[in-house]
Amino acid sequence: MCSSKVNYLKTIPESEKPIYKIYTDGSFKDNIIGYGAVIINLRTNKTVKISGALVLKKDSERKNGAKIAEITAGITALKIIDENADIYMFTDSLALYSMLSFNGKKLKSNSTCRKLNKILIHFLKQHNVTPYRIKRYGIKENRICDYLARNARENLRNTQEFDSLLLSIV
């Protein structure tokens, strides 16, 4: 659906508002989520890559780990952008795309996802966000986000294993 629309975004509208393209992805394995985003300022042509990881401790969180990872990627990207920007957000996540499309009004999920939804709505009110659903691995920036998310998740997992090893030695 979005692959044809991507080509139309090459022309930048004439305005003083900041304009961004955001690509997001999340990863979930072994109770750890990783998230990544590529943020491109279309006015300055500067790119920022962000990533992070979290351990999910509740069973209800683990059941929705993939959704939580994807939504966290979107929130984190929106959080660092100045208010009142035009944003084209690209995601391969149906959960994030649905939340962006309906401004969070059509979410039926666990309490953690509902909490994230409230946070996402807060940032959606600050920007003009146009969501695009893309094919998984279909766009170079999405592959970069996938790499960032997986790498952050694995780094946290490896750190936890190292910490456990140190505690067993001491």
C-alpha atoms as a PDB file:
ATOM      1  CA  MET A   1       0.000   0.000   0.000  1.00  0.00           C
ATOM      2  CA  CYS A   2       2.686   2.478   0.980  1.00  0.00           C
ATOM      3  CA  SER A   3       5.379   1.634  -1.519  1.00  0.00           C
ATOM      4  CA  SER A   4       3.716   3.778  -4.184  1.00  0.00           C
ATOM      5  CA  LYS A   5       3.198   6.678  -1.736  1.00  0.00           C
ATOM      6  CA  VAL A   6       6.867   6.702  -0.738  1.00  0.00           C
ATOM      7  CA  ASN A   7       7.827   8.129  -4.129  1.00  0.00           C
ATOM      8  CA  TYR A   8       5.527  11.126  -3.646  1.00  0.00           C
ATOM      9  CA  LEU A   9       7.444  12.261  -0.575  1.00  0.00           C
ATOM     10  CA  LYS A  10      10.513  13.290  -2.538  1.00  0.00           C
ATOM     11  CA  THR A  11       9.168  16.818  -3.002  1.00  0.00           C
ATOM     12  CA  ILE A  12       9.241  18.890   0.166  1.00  0.00           C
ATOM     13  CA  PRO A  13       6.230  21.163   0.749  1.00  0.00           C
ATOM     14  CA  GLU A  14       6.931  24.901   0.866  1.00  0.00           C
ATOM     15  CA  SER A  15       6.593  25.827   4.543  1.00  0.00           C
ATOM     16  CA  GLU A  16       8.727  26.638   7.531  1.00  0.00           C
ATOM     17  CA  LYS A  17       7.516  23.621   9.520  1.00  0.00           C
ATOM     18  CA  PRO A  18      10.065  20.896  10.193  1.00  0.00           C
ATOM     19  CA  ILE A  19       9.423  17.792   8.096  1.00  0.00           C
ATOM     20  CA  TYR A  20      10.657  14.314   8.969  1.00  0.00           C
ATOM     21  CA  LYS A  21      10.559  10.783   7.679  1.00  0.00           C
ATOM     22  CA  ILE A  22      10.669   8.220  10.470  1.00  0.00           C
ATOM     23  CA  TYR A  23      11.246   4.498   9.985  1.00  0.00           C
ATOM     24  CA  THR A  24      10.739   2.200  12.983  1.00  0.00           C
ATOM     25  CA  ASP A  25      11.136  -1.438  13.899  1.00  0.00           C
ATOM     26  CA  GLY A  26      11.081  -3.583  17.008  1.00  0.00           C
ATOM     27  CA  SER A  27      12.417  -6.958  18.029  1.00  0.00           C
ATOM     28  CA  PHE A  28      11.392  -9.370  20.795  1.00  0.00           C
ATOM     29  CA  LYS A  29      13.103 -12.522  22.060  1.00  0.00           C
ATOM     30  CA  ASP A  30      13.732 -14.123  25.446  1.00  0.00           C
ATOM     31  CA  ASN A  31      11.714 -11.492  27.350  1.00  0.00           C
ATOM     32  CA  ILE A  32      13.823  -8.650  25.942  1.00  0.00           C
ATOM     33  CA  ILE A  33      12.583  -6.051  23.474  1.00  0.00           C
ATOM     34  CA  GLY A  34      14.809  -4.035  21.209  1.00  0.00           C
ATOM     35  CA  TYR A  35      13.689  -1.028  19.218  1.00  0.00           C
ATOM     36  CA  GLY A  36      15.240   1.100  16.525  1.00  0.00           C
ATOM     37  CA  ALA A  37      14.374   4.128  14.453  1.00  0.00           C
ATOM     38  CA  VAL A  38      15.860   6.116  11.606  1.00  0.00           C
ATOM     39  CA  ILE A  39      14.809   9.775  11.626  1.00  0.00           C
ATOM     40  CA  ILE A  40      15.477  11.892   8.540  1.00  0.00           C
ATOM     41  CA  ASN A  41      15.029  15.662   8.645  1.00  0.00           C
ATOM     42  CA  LEU A  42      13.874  16.466   5.119  1.00  0.00           C
ATOM     43  CA  ARG A  43      14.793  20.155   5.456  1.00  0.00           C
ATOM     44  CA  THR A  44      18.422  19.582   6.497  1.00  0.00           C
ATOM     45  CA  ASN A  45      18.816  16.061   5.086  1.00  0.00           C
ATOM     46  CA  LYS A  46      20.378  14.967   8.407  1.00  0.00           C
ATOM     47  CA  THR A  47      19.759  11.442   9.672  1.00  0.00           C
ATOM     48  CA  VAL A  48      19.644  10.258  13.280  1.00  0.00           C
ATOM     49  CA  LYS A  49      19.588   6.594  14.297  1.00  0.00           C
ATOM     50  CA  ILE A  50      18.305   5.601  17.726  1.00  0.00           C
ATOM     51  CA  SER A  51      17.922   2.281  19.493  1.00  0.00           C
ATOM     52  CA  GLY A  52      17.369   0.795  22.912  1.00  0.00           C
ATOM     53  CA  ALA A  53      16.302  -2.324  24.780  1.00  0.00           C
ATOM     54  CA  LEU A  54      14.188  -3.245  27.802  1.00  0.00           C
ATOM     55  CA  VAL A  55      13.518  -6.387  29.813  1.00  0.00           C
ATOM     56  CA  LEU A  56       9.842  -7.365  30.071  1.00  0.00           C
ATOM     57  CA  LYS A  57       9.086  -8.750  33.508  1.00  0.00           C
ATOM     58  CA  LYS A  58       5.308  -9.300  33.548  1.00  0.00           C
ATOM     59  CA  ASP A  59       3.663 -12.264  31.807  1.00  0.00           C
ATOM     60  CA  SER A  60       1.139  -9.914  30.178  1.00  0.00           C
ATOM     61  CA  GLU A  61       4.007  -7.867  28.735  1.00  0.00           C
ATOM     62  CA  ARG A  62       5.761 -10.949  27.392  1.00  0.00           C
ATOM     63  CA  LYS A  63       2.616 -12.048  25.549  1.00  0.00           C
ATOM     64  CA  ASN A  64       2.638  -8.734  23.687  1.00  0.00           C
ATOM     65  CA  GLY A  65       6.403  -8.277  23.458  1.00  0.00           C
ATOM     66  CA  ALA A  66       6.513  -7.724  19.702  1.00  0.00           C
ATOM     67  CA  LYS A  67       3.773  -5.070  19.863  1.00  0.00           C
ATOM     68  CA  ILE A  68       5.455  -3.351  22.794  1.00  0.00           C
ATOM     69  CA  ALA A  69       8.770  -3.263  20.915  1.00  0.00           C
ATOM     70  CA  GLU A  70       7.202  -1.719  17.805  1.00  0.00           C
ATOM     71  CA  ILE A  71       5.163   0.854  19.730  1.00  0.00           C
ATOM     72  CA  THR A  72       8.178   1.813  21.860  1.00  0.00           C
ATOM     73  CA  ALA A  73      10.175   2.474  18.676  1.00  0.00           C
ATOM     74  CA  GLY A  74       7.488   4.865  17.448  1.00  0.00           C
ATOM     75  CA  ILE A  75       7.154   6.683  20.769  1.00  0.00           C
ATOM     76  CA  THR A  76      10.921   7.058  21.178  1.00  0.00           C
ATOM     77  CA  ALA A  77      11.270   8.554  17.700  1.00  0.00           C
ATOM     78  CA  LEU A  78       8.400  11.013  18.188  1.00  0.00           C
ATOM     79  CA  LYS A  79       9.723  11.973  21.619  1.00  0.00           C
ATOM     80  CA  ILE A  80      12.961  13.487  20.299  1.00  0.00           C
ATOM     81  CA  ILE A  81      11.388  15.601  17.547  1.00  0.00           C
ATOM     82  CA  ASP A  82      10.479  19.227  18.252  1.00  0.00           C
ATOM     83  CA  GLU A  83       6.785  20.016  18.515  1.00  0.00           C
ATOM     84  CA  ASN A  84       4.631  20.948  15.537  1.00  0.00           C
ATOM     85  CA  ALA A  85       6.414  18.953  12.845  1.00  0.00           C
ATOM     86  CA  ASP A  86       5.039  17.200   9.788  1.00  0.00           C
ATOM     87  CA  ILE A  87       6.039  13.557  10.089  1.00  0.00           C
ATOM     88  CA  TYR A  88       5.783  10.691   7.630  1.00  0.00           C
ATOM     89  CA  MET A  89       6.115   7.542   9.749  1.00  0.00           C
ATOM     90  CA  PHE A  90       6.907   4.204   8.097  1.00  0.00           C
ATOM     91  CA  THR A  91       6.400   0.949   9.977  1.00  0.00           C
ATOM     92  CA  ASP A  92       5.966  -2.729   9.196  1.00  0.00           C
ATOM     93  CA  SER A  93       3.968  -3.154  12.415  1.00  0.00           C
ATOM     94  CA  LEU A  94       0.209  -3.488  12.080  1.00  0.00           C
ATOM     95  CA  ALA A  95      -0.184  -2.572  15.772  1.00  0.00           C
ATOM     96  CA  LEU A  96       1.742   0.715  15.464  1.00  0.00           C
ATOM     97  CA  TYR A  97       0.196   1.555  12.092  1.00  0.00           C
ATOM     98  CA  SER A  98      -3.324   1.028  13.511  1.00  0.00           C
ATOM     99  CA  MET A  99      -2.575   3.187  16.537  1.00  0.00           C
ATOM    100  CA  LEU A 100      -1.195   5.961  14.343  1.00  0.00           C
ATOM    101  CA  SER A 101      -4.071   5.735  11.845  1.00  0.00           C
ATOM    102  CA  PHE A 102      -6.802   5.961  14.460  1.00  0.00           C
ATOM    103  CA  ASN A 103      -4.968   8.264  16.899  1.00  0.00           C
ATOM    104  CA  GLY A 104      -5.060   5.453  19.418  1.00  0.00           C
ATOM    105  CA  LYS A 105      -8.843   5.139  19.425  1.00  0.00           C
ATOM    106  CA  LYS A 106      -9.066   1.526  18.259  1.00  0.00           C
ATOM    107  CA  LEU A 107      -6.775  -0.307  20.641  1.00  0.00           C
ATOM    108  CA  LYS A 108      -7.865  -3.507  22.347  1.00  0.00           C
ATOM    109  CA  SER A 109      -4.928  -4.958  24.196  1.00  0.00           C
ATOM    110  CA  ASN A 110      -3.352  -5.458  27.603  1.00  0.00           C
ATOM    111  CA  SER A 111      -2.719  -2.705  30.145  1.00  0.00           C
ATOM    112  CA  THR A 112       0.904  -2.154  29.070  1.00  0.00           C
ATOM    113  CA  CYS A 113      -0.129  -1.535  25.459  1.00  0.00           C
ATOM    114  CA  ARG A 114      -2.917   0.775  26.655  1.00  0.00           C
ATOM    115  CA  LYS A 115      -0.378   2.759  28.706  1.00  0.00           C
ATOM    116  CA  LEU A 116       1.909   3.019  25.692  1.00  0.00           C
ATOM    117  CA  ASN A 117      -1.093   4.078  23.637  1.00  0.00           C
ATOM    118  CA  LYS A 118      -1.719   7.022  25.994  1.00  0.00           C
ATOM    119  CA  ILE A 119       1.909   8.075  25.673  1.00  0.00           C
ATOM    120  CA  LEU A 120       1.720   7.786  21.881  1.00  0.00           C
ATOM    121  CA  ILE A 121      -1.453   9.925  21.812  1.00  0.00           C
ATOM    122  CA  HIS A 122       0.395  12.609  23.790  1.00  0.00           C
ATOM    123  CA  PHE A 123       3.082  12.838  21.100  1.00  0.00           C
ATOM    124  CA  LEU A 124       0.585  12.565  18.232  1.00  0.00           C
ATOM    125  CA  LYS A 125      -1.109  15.732  19.526  1.00  0.00           C
ATOM    126  CA  GLN A 126       2.202  17.584  19.137  1.00  0.00           C
ATOM    127  CA  HIS A 127       2.726  16.669  15.479  1.00  0.00           C
ATOM    128  CA  ASN A 128       0.983  16.081  12.190  1.00  0.00           C
ATOM    129  CA  VAL A 129       1.772  12.375  11.638  1.00  0.00           C
ATOM    130  CA  THR A 130       0.959  10.531   8.419  1.00  0.00           C
ATOM    131  CA  PRO A 131       1.440   6.766   8.875  1.00  0.00           C
ATOM    132  CA  TYR A 132       2.548   4.375   6.147  1.00  0.00           C
ATOM    133  CA  ARG A 133       2.573   0.610   6.412  1.00  0.00           C
ATOM    134  CA  ILE A 134       5.483  -0.946   4.560  1.00  0.00           C
ATOM    135  CA  LYS A 135       6.546  -4.482   3.798  1.00  0.00           C
ATOM    136  CA  ARG A 136       8.931  -6.051   6.247  1.00  0.00           C
ATOM    137  CA  TYR A 137      12.520  -5.505   5.047  1.00  0.00           C
ATOM    138  CA  GLY A 138      11.092  -3.728   1.981  1.00  0.00           C
ATOM    139  CA  ILE A 139      12.954  -0.451   2.404  1.00  0.00           C
ATOM    140  CA  LYS A 140      16.622   0.107   3.247  1.00  0.00           C
ATOM    141  CA  GLU A 141      15.840   2.269   6.285  1.00  0.00           C
ATOM    142  CA  ASN A 142      13.539  -0.448   7.654  1.00  0.00           C
ATOM    143  CA  ARG A 143      16.365  -2.974   7.393  1.00  0.00           C
ATOM    144  CA  ILE A 144      18.590  -0.544   9.315  1.00  0.00           C
ATOM    145  CA  CYS A 145      15.907  -0.208  12.031  1.00  0.00           C
ATOM    146  CA  ASP A 146      15.648  -3.982  12.242  1.00  0.00           C
ATOM    147  CA  TYR A 147      19.418  -4.215  12.703  1.00  0.00           C
ATOM    148  CA  LEU A 148      19.383  -1.483  15.384  1.00  0.00           C
ATOM    149  CA  ALA A 149      16.550  -3.201  17.292  1.00  0.00           C
ATOM    150  CA  ARG A 150      18.090  -6.677  17.160  1.00  0.00           C
ATOM    151  CA  ASN A 151      21.530  -5.368  18.071  1.00  0.00           C
ATOM    152  CA  ALA A 152      20.203  -3.418  21.079  1.00  0.00           C
ATOM    153  CA  ARG A 153      18.268  -6.482  22.259  1.00  0.00           C
ATOM    154  CA  GLU A 154      21.277  -8.783  21.928  1.00  0.00           C
ATOM    155  CA  ASN A 155      23.596  -6.299  23.654  1.00  0.00           C
ATOM    156  CA  LEU A 156      21.254  -6.165  26.641  1.00  0.00           C
ATOM    157  CA  ARG A 157      20.942  -9.972  26.692  1.00  0.00           C
ATOM    158  CA  ASN A 158      24.730 -10.365  26.574  1.00  0.00           C
ATOM    159  CA  THR A 159      25.138  -7.807  29.384  1.00  0.00           C
ATOM    160  CA  GLN A 160      22.646  -9.725  31.536  1.00  0.00           C
ATOM    161  CA  GLU A 161      24.469 -13.005  30.909  1.00  0.00           C
ATOM    162  CA  PHE A 162      27.794 -11.375  31.787  1.00  0.00           C
ATOM    163  CA  ASP A 163      26.309  -9.904  34.991  1.00  0.00           C
ATOM    164  CA  SER A 164      24.931 -13.333  35.955  1.00  0.00           C
ATOM    165  CA  LEU A 165      28.320 -14.894  35.326  1.00  0.00           C
ATOM    166  CA  LEU A 166      30.041 -12.300  37.519  1.00  0.00           C
ATOM    167  CA  LEU A 167      27.562 -12.864  40.341  1.00  0.00           C
ATOM    168  CA  SER A 168      28.131 -16.611  40.222  1.00  0.00           C
ATOM    169  CA  ILE A 169      31.907 -16.127  40.469  1.00  0.00           C
ATOM    170  CA  VAL A 170      31.732 -13.723  43.431  1.00  0.00           C
END
